Amino acid sequence: MAKLLEIQDLQTLFYTSAGTVKAVDEISYDVEEGETVAIVGESGCGKSVSALSILRLIANPPGEITGGKINFMGQDLLQLSDREIREIRGRDISMIFQEPMTSLNPVLTIGVQLTEAMEFHLGIDTEEAENRAVKWLEMVGISEPRRRLKQYPHHFSGGMRQRVMIAMALCCEPKLIIADEPTTALDVTIQAQILELMKDLSSRLGVALIVITHNLGVVARYADRVNVMYAGKIIESGTAHDIYHKPSHPYTLGLLHSVPRLDQPRKERLKPIDGQPPDLTKLDNGCSFRPRCSFLIDKCENHYPALEQVASGHITACWEREKLIQEHR
């Protein structure tokens, strides 16, 4: 498959009174057409900022994209004018934000919010946009879609609002959808429905997905490839199978040990990752995970490990990766 999106050495900084925050620190990855790529990590690791950087939605001040390239369908998004990037947002790349209740405008009907993007990007009139909106609401599983167009966000449940957000993301038939914690505020049953819906629509329509999540259960079932982020960097990347069955970074292993498993005894205790994420204004030249790492060696103190290949398509940034792999077998 052809590469749809290529991110190279992307860096996004925030200038604060406490110092400069390296929210995204020279990350690189790609997304192929029709592929689902997950970005996983704790809160504050840079997942959402990396996604907002793709669409150049970083507020300046205090934030700034200071380096790298974001090649999408042959053009570098960082080199486009404001008008050119506005034409790509919503049309070629759509985003589903974390909380649908705050993403939807409470004083506008669902119909107005669905048709606005189609009228702007596709140049169609309101009647045709409404007909298309009905089709998309029906596709995402909302009953009586014509009547629903006249309703407001507060008339919908959390799961239904998220379905509306998915319909909004799909209505201009984009090539790529970025879903930022798409199931955060939903109960587990509705989470499964929403994720199944997104995966089904992705396979049927050929849309590529970037799914941002801290839920490794989501990753196991729906992602083709996984990027694990910590302190603004990608510290491991590989297929979902590699990440689950052959983790090669202590942080990835810690995340996996924190997930409840049905094949373990009911009284088996989970193993949380000790400590707290680092202060991103006080990073040094050493590995940022070392205060929490059980594989710590002297080299970790002053030298950050580069991403090295473990196997085909599987890379990690850890000096002790071979020891970790041996112990995990």
C-alpha atoms as a PDB file:
ATOM      1  CA  MET A   1       0.000   0.000   0.000  1.00  0.00           C
ATOM      2  CA  ALA A   2       1.062   3.573  -0.656  1.00  0.00           C
ATOM      3  CA  LYS A   3       2.043   5.869   2.192  1.00  0.00           C
ATOM      4  CA  LEU A   4      -0.662   8.439   2.825  1.00  0.00           C
ATOM      5  CA  LEU A   5       1.040  10.341   5.649  1.00  0.00           C
ATOM      6  CA  GLU A   6       4.737  10.599   6.522  1.00  0.00           C
ATOM      7  CA  ILE A   7       5.837  12.441   9.655  1.00  0.00           C
ATOM      8  CA  GLN A   8       9.565  13.151   9.944  1.00  0.00           C
ATOM      9  CA  ASP A   9      11.273  14.559  13.062  1.00  0.00           C
ATOM     10  CA  LEU A  10       8.204  16.539  14.155  1.00  0.00           C
ATOM     11  CA  GLN A  11       8.860  18.834  17.118  1.00  0.00           C
ATOM     12  CA  THR A  12       6.284  20.935  18.959  1.00  0.00           C
ATOM     13  CA  LEU A  13       7.206  23.146  21.908  1.00  0.00           C
ATOM     14  CA  PHE A  14       5.214  25.129  24.457  1.00  0.00           C
ATOM     15  CA  TYR A  15       6.764  28.191  26.059  1.00  0.00           C
ATOM     16  CA  THR A  16       5.551  28.512  29.653  1.00  0.00           C
ATOM     17  CA  SER A  17       6.516  30.463  32.753  1.00  0.00           C
ATOM     18  CA  ALA A  18       8.046  27.261  34.135  1.00  0.00           C
ATOM     19  CA  GLY A  19      10.196  26.724  31.044  1.00  0.00           C
ATOM     20  CA  THR A  20      10.046  25.232  27.558  1.00  0.00           C
ATOM     21  CA  VAL A  21       7.971  22.049  27.277  1.00  0.00           C
ATOM     22  CA  LYS A  22       9.020  19.571  24.589  1.00  0.00           C
ATOM     23  CA  ALA A  23       5.531  18.195  24.068  1.00  0.00           C
ATOM     24  CA  VAL A  24       6.490  16.429  20.828  1.00  0.00           C
ATOM     25  CA  ASP A  25      10.182  15.691  20.535  1.00  0.00           C
ATOM     26  CA  GLU A  26      11.278  14.747  17.001  1.00  0.00           C
ATOM     27  CA  ILE A  27       8.867  11.898  16.311  1.00  0.00           C
ATOM     28  CA  SER A  28       8.647  10.061  12.972  1.00  0.00           C
ATOM     29  CA  TYR A  29       6.076   7.589  11.673  1.00  0.00           C
ATOM     30  CA  ASP A  30       3.893   6.945   8.644  1.00  0.00           C
ATOM     31  CA  VAL A  31       0.351   5.838   7.847  1.00  0.00           C
ATOM     32  CA  GLU A  32      -0.573   3.823   4.779  1.00  0.00           C
ATOM     33  CA  GLU A  33      -3.830   4.062   2.857  1.00  0.00           C
ATOM     34  CA  GLY A  34      -6.648   2.254   4.689  1.00  0.00           C
ATOM     35  CA  GLU A  35      -4.427   1.444   7.686  1.00  0.00           C
ATOM     36  CA  THR A  36      -5.238   1.872  11.384  1.00  0.00           C
ATOM     37  CA  VAL A  37      -2.313   3.195  13.420  1.00  0.00           C
ATOM     38  CA  ALA A  38      -2.588   3.589  17.203  1.00  0.00           C
ATOM     39  CA  ILE A  39      -0.656   6.053  19.341  1.00  0.00           C
ATOM     40  CA  VAL A  40      -0.505   4.844  22.939  1.00  0.00           C
ATOM     41  CA  GLY A  41       0.762   6.339  26.173  1.00  0.00           C
ATOM     42  CA  GLU A  42      -0.073   7.946  29.505  1.00  0.00           C
ATOM     43  CA  SER A  43      -1.752  11.331  29.791  1.00  0.00           C
ATOM     44  CA  GLY A  44       0.720  14.112  29.064  1.00  0.00           C
ATOM     45  CA  CYS A  45       3.029  12.062  26.839  1.00  0.00           C
ATOM     46  CA  GLY A  46       2.302  14.138  23.714  1.00  0.00           C
ATOM     47  CA  LYS A  47      -0.279  12.004  21.911  1.00  0.00           C
ATOM     48  CA  SER A  48      -2.923  14.690  21.397  1.00  0.00           C
ATOM     49  CA  VAL A  49      -0.387  17.437  20.670  1.00  0.00           C
ATOM     50  CA  SER A  50       1.151  15.297  17.929  1.00  0.00           C
ATOM     51  CA  ALA A  51      -2.296  14.887  16.356  1.00  0.00           C
ATOM     52  CA  LEU A  52      -3.139  18.584  16.610  1.00  0.00           C
ATOM     53  CA  SER A  53       0.237  19.354  15.045  1.00  0.00           C
ATOM     54  CA  ILE A  54      -0.717  17.378  11.923  1.00  0.00           C
ATOM     55  CA  LEU A  55      -3.641  19.770  11.340  1.00  0.00           C
ATOM     56  CA  ARG A  56      -1.660  22.782  12.586  1.00  0.00           C
ATOM     57  CA  LEU A  57      -4.137  23.423  15.383  1.00  0.00           C
ATOM     58  CA  ILE A  58      -1.466  24.356  17.939  1.00  0.00           C
ATOM     59  CA  ALA A  59      -2.312  27.690  19.581  1.00  0.00           C
ATOM     60  CA  ASN A  60       0.542  30.173  19.149  1.00  0.00           C
ATOM     61  CA  PRO A  61       1.291  31.441  21.757  1.00  0.00           C
ATOM     62  CA  PRO A  62       2.140  29.432  23.810  1.00  0.00           C
ATOM     63  CA  GLY A  63       2.770  26.569  21.375  1.00  0.00           C
ATOM     64  CA  GLU A  64       4.852  26.347  18.229  1.00  0.00           C
ATOM     65  CA  ILE A  65       5.763  23.649  15.698  1.00  0.00           C
ATOM     66  CA  THR A  66       9.513  24.207  15.514  1.00  0.00           C
ATOM     67  CA  GLY A  67      10.743  21.464  13.204  1.00  0.00           C
ATOM     68  CA  GLY A  68      10.094  18.463  11.010  1.00  0.00           C
ATOM     69  CA  LYS A  69       7.953  17.593   8.017  1.00  0.00           C
ATOM     70  CA  ILE A  70       4.370  16.359   7.676  1.00  0.00           C
ATOM     71  CA  ASN A  71       4.012  14.975   4.150  1.00  0.00           C
ATOM     72  CA  PHE A  72       0.394  14.238   3.240  1.00  0.00           C
ATOM     73  CA  MET A  73      -0.408  13.049  -0.282  1.00  0.00           C
ATOM     74  CA  GLY A  74       2.849  14.496  -1.551  1.00  0.00           C
ATOM     75  CA  GLN A  75       2.771  17.918   0.096  1.00  0.00           C
ATOM     76  CA  ASP A  76       4.303  19.203   3.323  1.00  0.00           C
ATOM     77  CA  LEU A  77       1.453  20.509   5.487  1.00  0.00           C
ATOM     78  CA  LEU A  78       3.852  22.714   7.436  1.00  0.00           C
ATOM     79  CA  GLN A  79       4.646  24.697   4.278  1.00  0.00           C
ATOM     80  CA  LEU A  80       1.024  25.460   3.330  1.00  0.00           C
ATOM     81  CA  SER A  81      -0.636  28.838   3.812  1.00  0.00           C
ATOM     82  CA  ASP A  82      -3.468  29.247   6.343  1.00  0.00           C
ATOM     83  CA  ARG A  83      -6.022  29.173   3.525  1.00  0.00           C
ATOM     84  CA  GLU A  84      -4.548  25.986   2.025  1.00  0.00           C
ATOM     85  CA  ILE A  85      -4.484  24.112   5.347  1.00  0.00           C
ATOM     86  CA  ARG A  86      -8.120  25.140   6.036  1.00  0.00           C
ATOM     87  CA  GLU A  87      -9.127  23.452   2.784  1.00  0.00           C
ATOM     88  CA  ILE A  88      -7.465  20.217   3.896  1.00  0.00           C
ATOM     89  CA  ARG A  89      -8.969  20.215   7.406  1.00  0.00           C
ATOM     90  CA  GLY A  90     -12.322  18.455   7.307  1.00  0.00           C
ATOM     91  CA  ARG A  91     -12.050  17.568   3.623  1.00  0.00           C
ATOM     92  CA  ASP A  92      -8.943  15.369   3.328  1.00  0.00           C
ATOM     93  CA  ILE A  93      -8.129  14.990   7.047  1.00  0.00           C
ATOM     94  CA  SER A  94     -10.832  14.945   9.710  1.00  0.00           C
ATOM     95  CA  MET A  95     -10.525  14.791  13.473  1.00  0.00           C
ATOM     96  CA  ILE A  96     -12.769  13.301  16.138  1.00  0.00           C
ATOM     97  CA  PHE A  97     -12.023  15.132  19.382  1.00  0.00           C
ATOM     98  CA  GLN A  98     -11.997  13.654  22.886  1.00  0.00           C
ATOM     99  CA  GLU A  99     -15.322  14.804  24.316  1.00  0.00           C
ATOM    100  CA  PRO A 100     -18.266  15.131  21.917  1.00  0.00           C
ATOM    101  CA  MET A 101     -20.327  17.275  24.282  1.00  0.00           C
ATOM    102  CA  THR A 102     -17.688  20.004  24.238  1.00  0.00           C
ATOM    103  CA  SER A 103     -16.809  19.496  20.557  1.00  0.00           C
ATOM    104  CA  LEU A 104     -20.382  20.016  19.339  1.00  0.00           C
ATOM    105  CA  ASN A 105     -21.835  23.524  19.485  1.00  0.00           C
ATOM    106  CA  PRO A 106     -24.724  23.406  22.008  1.00  0.00           C
ATOM    107  CA  VAL A 107     -26.691  26.254  20.343  1.00  0.00           C
ATOM    108  CA  LEU A 108     -26.647  24.855  16.779  1.00  0.00           C
ATOM    109  CA  THR A 109     -28.683  21.911  15.541  1.00  0.00           C
ATOM    110  CA  ILE A 110     -26.953  18.717  14.501  1.00  0.00           C
ATOM    111  CA  GLY A 111     -28.099  19.402  10.938  1.00  0.00           C
ATOM    112  CA  VAL A 112     -26.389  22.793  10.782  1.00  0.00           C
ATOM    113  CA  GLN A 113     -23.155  21.355  12.158  1.00  0.00           C
ATOM    114  CA  LEU A 114     -23.182  18.435   9.718  1.00  0.00           C
ATOM    115  CA  THR A 115     -24.014  20.442   6.609  1.00  0.00           C
ATOM    116  CA  GLU A 116     -21.651  23.365   7.232  1.00  0.00           C
ATOM    117  CA  ALA A 117     -18.501  21.434   6.316  1.00  0.00           C
ATOM    118  CA  MET A 118     -20.068  19.889   3.210  1.00  0.00           C
ATOM    119  CA  GLU A 119     -21.251  23.259   1.926  1.00  0.00           C
ATOM    120  CA  PHE A 120     -17.798  24.773   2.512  1.00  0.00           C
ATOM    121  CA  HIS A 121     -15.607  21.948   1.201  1.00  0.00           C
ATOM    122  CA  LEU A 122     -17.818  20.321  -1.446  1.00  0.00           C
ATOM    123  CA  GLY A 123     -19.555  23.462  -2.744  1.00  0.00           C
ATOM    124  CA  ILE A 124     -23.043  21.937  -2.575  1.00  0.00           C
ATOM    125  CA  ASP A 125     -26.312  23.628  -1.588  1.00  0.00           C
ATOM    126  CA  THR A 126     -28.091  23.152   1.743  1.00  0.00           C
ATOM    127  CA  GLU A 127     -30.683  20.690   0.411  1.00  0.00           C
ATOM    128  CA  GLU A 128     -28.082  18.327  -1.024  1.00  0.00           C
ATOM    129  CA  ALA A 129     -25.948  18.686   2.119  1.00  0.00           C
ATOM    130  CA  GLU A 130     -28.938  17.710   4.277  1.00  0.00           C
ATOM    131  CA  ASN A 131     -29.602  14.652   2.103  1.00  0.00           C
ATOM    132  CA  ARG A 132     -25.989  13.601   2.505  1.00  0.00           C
ATOM    133  CA  ALA A 133     -26.150  14.256   6.250  1.00  0.00           C
ATOM    134  CA  VAL A 134     -29.145  11.917   6.505  1.00  0.00           C
ATOM    135  CA  LYS A 135     -27.158   9.233   4.682  1.00  0.00           C
ATOM    136  CA  TRP A 136     -24.179   9.567   7.008  1.00  0.00           C
ATOM    137  CA  LEU A 137     -26.283   9.567  10.183  1.00  0.00           C
ATOM    138  CA  GLU A 138     -27.992   6.428   8.954  1.00  0.00           C
ATOM    139  CA  MET A 139     -24.611   4.835   8.177  1.00  0.00           C
ATOM    140  CA  VAL A 140     -23.352   5.421  11.719  1.00  0.00           C
ATOM    141  CA  GLY A 141     -26.458   3.833  13.195  1.00  0.00           C
ATOM    142  CA  ILE A 142     -28.671   6.771  14.197  1.00  0.00           C
ATOM    143  CA  SER A 143     -32.374   6.052  13.719  1.00  0.00           C
ATOM    144  CA  GLU A 144     -34.796   8.555  12.151  1.00  0.00           C
ATOM    145  CA  PRO A 145     -31.899  10.657  10.816  1.00  0.00           C
ATOM    146  CA  ARG A 146     -34.081  13.224   9.018  1.00  0.00           C
ATOM    147  CA  ARG A 147     -35.842  14.144  12.280  1.00  0.00           C
ATOM    148  CA  ARG A 148     -32.572  14.123  14.195  1.00  0.00           C
ATOM    149  CA  LEU A 149     -31.133  16.870  11.998  1.00  0.00           C
ATOM    150  CA  LYS A 150     -33.366  19.385  13.785  1.00  0.00           C
ATOM    151  CA  GLN A 151     -32.272  18.357  17.260  1.00  0.00           C
ATOM    152  CA  TYR A 152     -29.512  19.799  19.452  1.00  0.00           C
ATOM    153  CA  PRO A 153     -26.558  17.972  21.040  1.00  0.00           C
ATOM    154  CA  HIS A 154     -28.227  17.774  24.464  1.00  0.00           C
ATOM    155  CA  HIS A 155     -30.988  15.649  22.912  1.00  0.00           C
ATOM    156  CA  PHE A 156     -28.444  12.869  22.264  1.00  0.00           C
ATOM    157  CA  SER A 157     -26.783  10.397  24.627  1.00  0.00           C
ATOM    158  CA  GLY A 158     -22.993  10.227  24.888  1.00  0.00           C
ATOM    159  CA  GLY A 159     -22.781   7.312  22.474  1.00  0.00           C
ATOM    160  CA  MET A 160     -25.096   9.015  19.979  1.00  0.00           C
ATOM    161  CA  ARG A 161     -23.093  12.245  20.149  1.00  0.00           C
ATOM    162  CA  GLN A 162     -19.957  10.283  19.365  1.00  0.00           C
ATOM    163  CA  ARG A 163     -21.731   8.739  16.369  1.00  0.00           C
ATOM    164  CA  VAL A 164     -22.623  12.249  15.204  1.00  0.00           C
ATOM    165  CA  MET A 165     -18.940  13.206  15.522  1.00  0.00           C
ATOM    166  CA  ILE A 166     -17.989  10.214  13.384  1.00  0.00           C
ATOM    167  CA  ALA A 167     -20.599  11.207  10.788  1.00  0.00           C
ATOM    168  CA  MET A 168     -19.170  14.751  10.781  1.00  0.00           C
ATOM    169  CA  ALA A 169     -15.676  13.349  10.274  1.00  0.00           C
ATOM    170  CA  LEU A 170     -16.826  11.169   7.367  1.00  0.00           C
ATOM    171  CA  CYS A 171     -19.211  13.546   5.598  1.00  0.00           C
ATOM    172  CA  CYS A 172     -16.601  15.006   3.223  1.00  0.00           C
ATOM    173  CA  GLU A 173     -15.152  11.538   2.583  1.00  0.00           C
ATOM    174  CA  PRO A 174     -11.608  12.238   3.879  1.00  0.00           C
ATOM    175  CA  LYS A 175      -8.556  10.082   3.262  1.00  0.00           C
ATOM    176  CA  LEU A 176      -7.508  10.172   6.935  1.00  0.00           C
ATOM    177  CA  ILE A 177      -9.392  10.414  10.239  1.00  0.00           C
ATOM    178  CA  ILE A 178      -7.621  11.225  13.512  1.00  0.00           C
ATOM    179  CA  ALA A 179      -9.603   9.927  16.496  1.00  0.00           C
ATOM    180  CA  ASP A 180      -8.351  11.442  19.758  1.00  0.00           C
ATOM    181  CA  GLU A 181      -9.509   9.221  22.645  1.00  0.00           C
ATOM    182  CA  PRO A 182     -12.809   8.572  20.814  1.00  0.00           C
ATOM    183  CA  THR A 183     -14.329   6.513  23.655  1.00  0.00           C
ATOM    184  CA  THR A 184     -13.064   8.374  26.752  1.00  0.00           C
ATOM    185  CA  ALA A 185     -16.448   9.399  28.196  1.00  0.00           C
ATOM    186  CA  LEU A 186     -18.377   6.258  27.217  1.00  0.00           C
ATOM    187  CA  ASP A 187     -19.172   3.081  29.131  1.00  0.00           C
ATOM    188  CA  VAL A 188     -17.485  -0.127  27.980  1.00  0.00           C
ATOM    189  CA  THR A 189     -20.447  -1.477  25.996  1.00  0.00           C
ATOM    190  CA  ILE A 190     -20.830   1.726  23.986  1.00  0.00           C
ATOM    191  CA  GLN A 191     -17.038   1.912  23.582  1.00  0.00           C
ATOM    192  CA  ALA A 192     -17.068  -1.447  21.822  1.00  0.00           C
ATOM    193  CA  GLN A 193     -19.932  -0.367  19.537  1.00  0.00           C
ATOM    194  CA  ILE A 194     -18.180   2.866  18.549  1.00  0.00           C
ATOM    195  CA  LEU A 195     -14.864   1.143  17.873  1.00  0.00           C
ATOM    196  CA  GLU A 196     -16.489  -1.624  15.843  1.00  0.00           C
ATOM    197  CA  LEU A 197     -18.323   1.046  13.852  1.00  0.00           C
ATOM    198  CA  MET A 198     -15.108   2.988  13.140  1.00  0.00           C
ATOM    199  CA  LYS A 199     -13.214  -0.127  12.085  1.00  0.00           C
ATOM    200  CA  ASP A 200     -16.084  -1.259   9.853  1.00  0.00           C
ATOM    201  CA  LEU A 201     -16.402   2.135   8.170  1.00  0.00           C
ATOM    202  CA  SER A 202     -12.629   2.295   7.717  1.00  0.00           C
ATOM    203  CA  SER A 203     -12.526  -1.064   5.927  1.00  0.00           C
ATOM    204  CA  ARG A 204     -15.620  -0.343   3.826  1.00  0.00           C
ATOM    205  CA  LEU A 205     -14.649   3.179   2.785  1.00  0.00           C
ATOM    206  CA  GLY A 206     -10.872   2.719   2.684  1.00  0.00           C
ATOM    207  CA  VAL A 207     -10.260   5.523   5.197  1.00  0.00           C
ATOM    208  CA  ALA A 208      -6.987   5.485   7.169  1.00  0.00           C
ATOM    209  CA  LEU A 209      -7.263   5.943  10.936  1.00  0.00           C
ATOM    210  CA  ILE A 210      -4.955   7.325  13.596  1.00  0.00           C
ATOM    211  CA  VAL A 211      -6.410   6.259  16.953  1.00  0.00           C
ATOM    212  CA  ILE A 212      -5.006   8.019  20.021  1.00  0.00           C
ATOM    213  CA  THR A 213      -5.626   6.117  23.230  1.00  0.00           C
ATOM    214  CA  HIS A 214      -4.238   5.015  26.590  1.00  0.00           C
ATOM    215  CA  ASN A 215      -6.367   1.849  26.407  1.00  0.00           C
ATOM    216  CA  LEU A 216      -4.277  -1.101  25.252  1.00  0.00           C
ATOM    217  CA  GLY A 217      -7.414  -3.208  24.940  1.00  0.00           C
ATOM    218  CA  VAL A 218      -8.495  -0.936  22.109  1.00  0.00           C
ATOM    219  CA  VAL A 219      -5.147  -1.379  20.399  1.00  0.00           C
ATOM    220  CA  ALA A 220      -5.173  -5.171  20.506  1.00  0.00           C
ATOM    221  CA  ARG A 221      -8.395  -5.491  18.556  1.00  0.00           C
ATOM    222  CA  TYR A 222      -8.424  -2.571  16.158  1.00  0.00           C
ATOM    223  CA  ALA A 223      -4.889  -1.387  15.296  1.00  0.00           C
ATOM    224  CA  ASP A 224      -2.619  -2.647  12.534  1.00  0.00           C
ATOM    225  CA  ARG A 225       0.452  -0.847  13.891  1.00  0.00           C
ATOM    226  CA  VAL A 226       1.226   0.809  17.214  1.00  0.00           C
ATOM    227  CA  ASN A 227       3.442   3.728  18.264  1.00  0.00           C
ATOM    228  CA  VAL A 228       4.136   3.882  22.010  1.00  0.00           C
ATOM    229  CA  MET A 229       4.906   7.425  23.244  1.00  0.00           C
ATOM    230  CA  TYR A 230       6.606   8.554  26.439  1.00  0.00           C
ATOM    231  CA  ALA A 231       7.713  12.090  27.373  1.00  0.00           C
ATOM    232  CA  GLY A 232       7.140  13.433  23.869  1.00  0.00           C
ATOM    233  CA  LYS A 233       9.037  10.674  22.042  1.00  0.00           C
ATOM    234  CA  ILE A 234       8.102   7.444  20.295  1.00  0.00           C
ATOM    235  CA  ILE A 235       9.929   4.816  22.331  1.00  0.00           C
ATOM    236  CA  GLU A 236       8.635   1.695  20.551  1.00  0.00           C
ATOM    237  CA  SER A 237       6.866   1.036  17.269  1.00  0.00           C
ATOM    238  CA  GLY A 238       5.676  -2.139  15.577  1.00  0.00           C
ATOM    239  CA  THR A 239       2.696  -4.230  14.592  1.00  0.00           C
ATOM    240  CA  ALA A 240       0.030  -4.825  17.216  1.00  0.00           C
ATOM    241  CA  HIS A 241       1.186  -8.463  17.368  1.00  0.00           C
ATOM    242  CA  ASP A 242       4.792  -7.430  18.050  1.00  0.00           C
ATOM    243  CA  ILE A 243       3.835  -4.921  20.740  1.00  0.00           C
ATOM    244  CA  TYR A 244       1.672  -7.452  22.601  1.00  0.00           C
ATOM    245  CA  HIS A 245       3.700 -10.606  22.161  1.00  0.00           C
ATOM    246  CA  LYS A 246       7.261  -9.247  21.878  1.00  0.00           C
ATOM    247  CA  PRO A 247       7.435  -5.957  23.826  1.00  0.00           C
ATOM    248  CA  SER A 248      11.005  -4.629  23.832  1.00  0.00           C
ATOM    249  CA  HIS A 249      10.793  -1.497  26.000  1.00  0.00           C
ATOM    250  CA  PRO A 250      10.251  -1.479  29.798  1.00  0.00           C
ATOM    251  CA  TYR A 251       7.496   1.139  29.460  1.00  0.00           C
ATOM    252  CA  THR A 252       5.548  -0.965  26.951  1.00  0.00           C
ATOM    253  CA  LEU A 253       5.938  -3.976  29.245  1.00  0.00           C
ATOM    254  CA  GLY A 254       4.693  -1.891  32.169  1.00  0.00           C
ATOM    255  CA  LEU A 255       1.615  -0.799  30.214  1.00  0.00           C
ATOM    256  CA  LEU A 256       0.825  -4.412  29.347  1.00  0.00           C
ATOM    257  CA  HIS A 257       1.188  -5.511  32.986  1.00  0.00           C
ATOM    258  CA  SER A 258      -1.296  -2.789  33.978  1.00  0.00           C
ATOM    259  CA  VAL A 259      -4.081  -4.286  31.846  1.00  0.00           C
ATOM    260  CA  PRO A 260      -6.514  -6.803  33.448  1.00  0.00           C
ATOM    261  CA  ARG A 261      -6.369 -10.207  31.750  1.00  0.00           C
ATOM    262  CA  LEU A 262      -9.039 -12.872  31.534  1.00  0.00           C
ATOM    263  CA  ASP A 263      -6.443 -15.664  31.431  1.00  0.00           C
ATOM    264  CA  GLN A 264      -5.118 -14.739  34.893  1.00  0.00           C
ATOM    265  CA  PRO A 265      -6.648 -15.738  38.272  1.00  0.00           C
ATOM    266  CA  ARG A 266      -9.301 -13.300  39.512  1.00  0.00           C
ATOM    267  CA  LYS A 267      -7.242 -12.423  42.588  1.00  0.00           C
ATOM    268  CA  GLU A 268      -4.088 -11.733  40.578  1.00  0.00           C
ATOM    269  CA  ARG A 269      -2.931  -8.187  41.332  1.00  0.00           C
ATOM    270  CA  LEU A 270      -2.128  -5.772  38.551  1.00  0.00           C
ATOM    271  CA  LYS A 271       1.411  -4.390  38.398  1.00  0.00           C
ATOM    272  CA  PRO A 272       1.300  -0.590  38.119  1.00  0.00           C
ATOM    273  CA  ILE A 273       4.251   1.376  36.765  1.00  0.00           C
ATOM    274  CA  ASP A 274       5.957   2.946  39.774  1.00  0.00           C
ATOM    275  CA  GLY A 275       6.594   6.680  39.909  1.00  0.00           C
ATOM    276  CA  GLN A 276       5.282   9.560  37.841  1.00  0.00           C
ATOM    277  CA  PRO A 277       5.897  10.820  34.289  1.00  0.00           C
ATOM    278  CA  PRO A 278       8.813  13.279  34.097  1.00  0.00           C
ATOM    279  CA  ASP A 279       8.610  17.064  34.130  1.00  0.00           C
ATOM    280  CA  LEU A 280       8.972  17.926  30.435  1.00  0.00           C
ATOM    281  CA  THR A 281      10.656  21.240  31.280  1.00  0.00           C
ATOM    282  CA  LYS A 282      13.515  19.438  33.047  1.00  0.00           C
ATOM    283  CA  LEU A 283      14.540  16.658  30.665  1.00  0.00           C
ATOM    284  CA  ASP A 284      18.258  15.876  30.412  1.00  0.00           C
ATOM    285  CA  ASN A 285      20.389  13.795  28.020  1.00  0.00           C
ATOM    286  CA  GLY A 286      19.540  10.500  29.719  1.00  0.00           C
ATOM    287  CA  CYS A 287      16.582   8.189  29.172  1.00  0.00           C
ATOM    288  CA  SER A 288      13.429   9.915  30.422  1.00  0.00           C
ATOM    289  CA  PHE A 289      11.966   6.618  31.673  1.00  0.00           C
ATOM    290  CA  ARG A 290      14.945   5.691  33.872  1.00  0.00           C
ATOM    291  CA  PRO A 291      13.478   6.842  37.272  1.00  0.00           C
ATOM    292  CA  ARG A 292      10.700   4.263  36.813  1.00  0.00           C
ATOM    293  CA  CYS A 293      12.678   1.516  35.073  1.00  0.00           C
ATOM    294  CA  SER A 294      13.677  -1.847  36.540  1.00  0.00           C
ATOM    295  CA  PHE A 295      16.225  -2.426  33.726  1.00  0.00           C
ATOM    296  CA  LEU A 296      18.262   0.695  34.561  1.00  0.00           C
ATOM    297  CA  ILE A 297      22.012   0.637  33.803  1.00  0.00           C
ATOM    298  CA  ASP A 298      24.696   3.344  34.072  1.00  0.00           C
ATOM    299  CA  LYS A 299      24.476   4.196  30.365  1.00  0.00           C
ATOM    300  CA  CYS A 300      20.844   5.282  30.802  1.00  0.00           C
ATOM    301  CA  GLU A 301      21.884   8.203  32.999  1.00  0.00           C
ATOM    302  CA  ASN A 302      23.603  10.287  30.319  1.00  0.00           C
ATOM    303  CA  HIS A 303      22.755   8.799  26.912  1.00  0.00           C
ATOM    304  CA  TYR A 304      19.277   8.612  25.384  1.00  0.00           C
ATOM    305  CA  PRO A 305      19.004   5.426  23.280  1.00  0.00           C
ATOM    306  CA  ALA A 306      18.230   5.802  19.584  1.00  0.00           C
ATOM    307  CA  LEU A 307      15.409   3.817  18.002  1.00  0.00           C
ATOM    308  CA  GLU A 308      16.943   0.540  16.818  1.00  0.00           C
ATOM    309  CA  GLN A 309      15.423  -2.310  14.851  1.00  0.00           C
ATOM    310  CA  VAL A 310      14.461  -5.368  16.881  1.00  0.00           C
ATOM    311  CA  ALA A 311      12.845  -7.207  13.986  1.00  0.00           C
ATOM    312  CA  SER A 312      11.413  -6.267  10.618  1.00  0.00           C
ATOM    313  CA  GLY A 313       9.046  -3.327  11.179  1.00  0.00           C
ATOM    314  CA  HIS A 314       9.654  -3.349  14.943  1.00  0.00           C
ATOM    315  CA  ILE A 315      11.873  -0.663  16.544  1.00  0.00           C
ATOM    316  CA  THR A 316      12.575   0.353  20.124  1.00  0.00           C
ATOM    317  CA  ALA A 317      14.671   2.857  22.114  1.00  0.00           C
ATOM    318  CA  CYS A 318      16.198   0.905  24.996  1.00  0.00           C
ATOM    319  CA  TRP A 319      19.790  -0.020  25.880  1.00  0.00           C
ATOM    320  CA  GLU A 320      18.617  -3.228  27.572  1.00  0.00           C
ATOM    321  CA  ARG A 321      16.165  -4.391  24.891  1.00  0.00           C
ATOM    322  CA  GLU A 322      17.856  -7.784  24.401  1.00  0.00           C
ATOM    323  CA  LYS A 323      17.717  -8.566  28.129  1.00  0.00           C
ATOM    324  CA  LEU A 324      14.064  -7.467  28.290  1.00  0.00           C
ATOM    325  CA  ILE A 325      13.142  -9.653  25.307  1.00  0.00           C
ATOM    326  CA  GLN A 326      14.903 -12.682  26.844  1.00  0.00           C
ATOM    327  CA  GLU A 327      13.163 -12.239  30.209  1.00  0.00           C
ATOM    328  CA  HIS A 328       9.737 -11.774  28.614  1.00  0.00           C
ATOM    329  CA  ARG A 329       9.897 -15.018  26.639  1.00  0.00           C
END
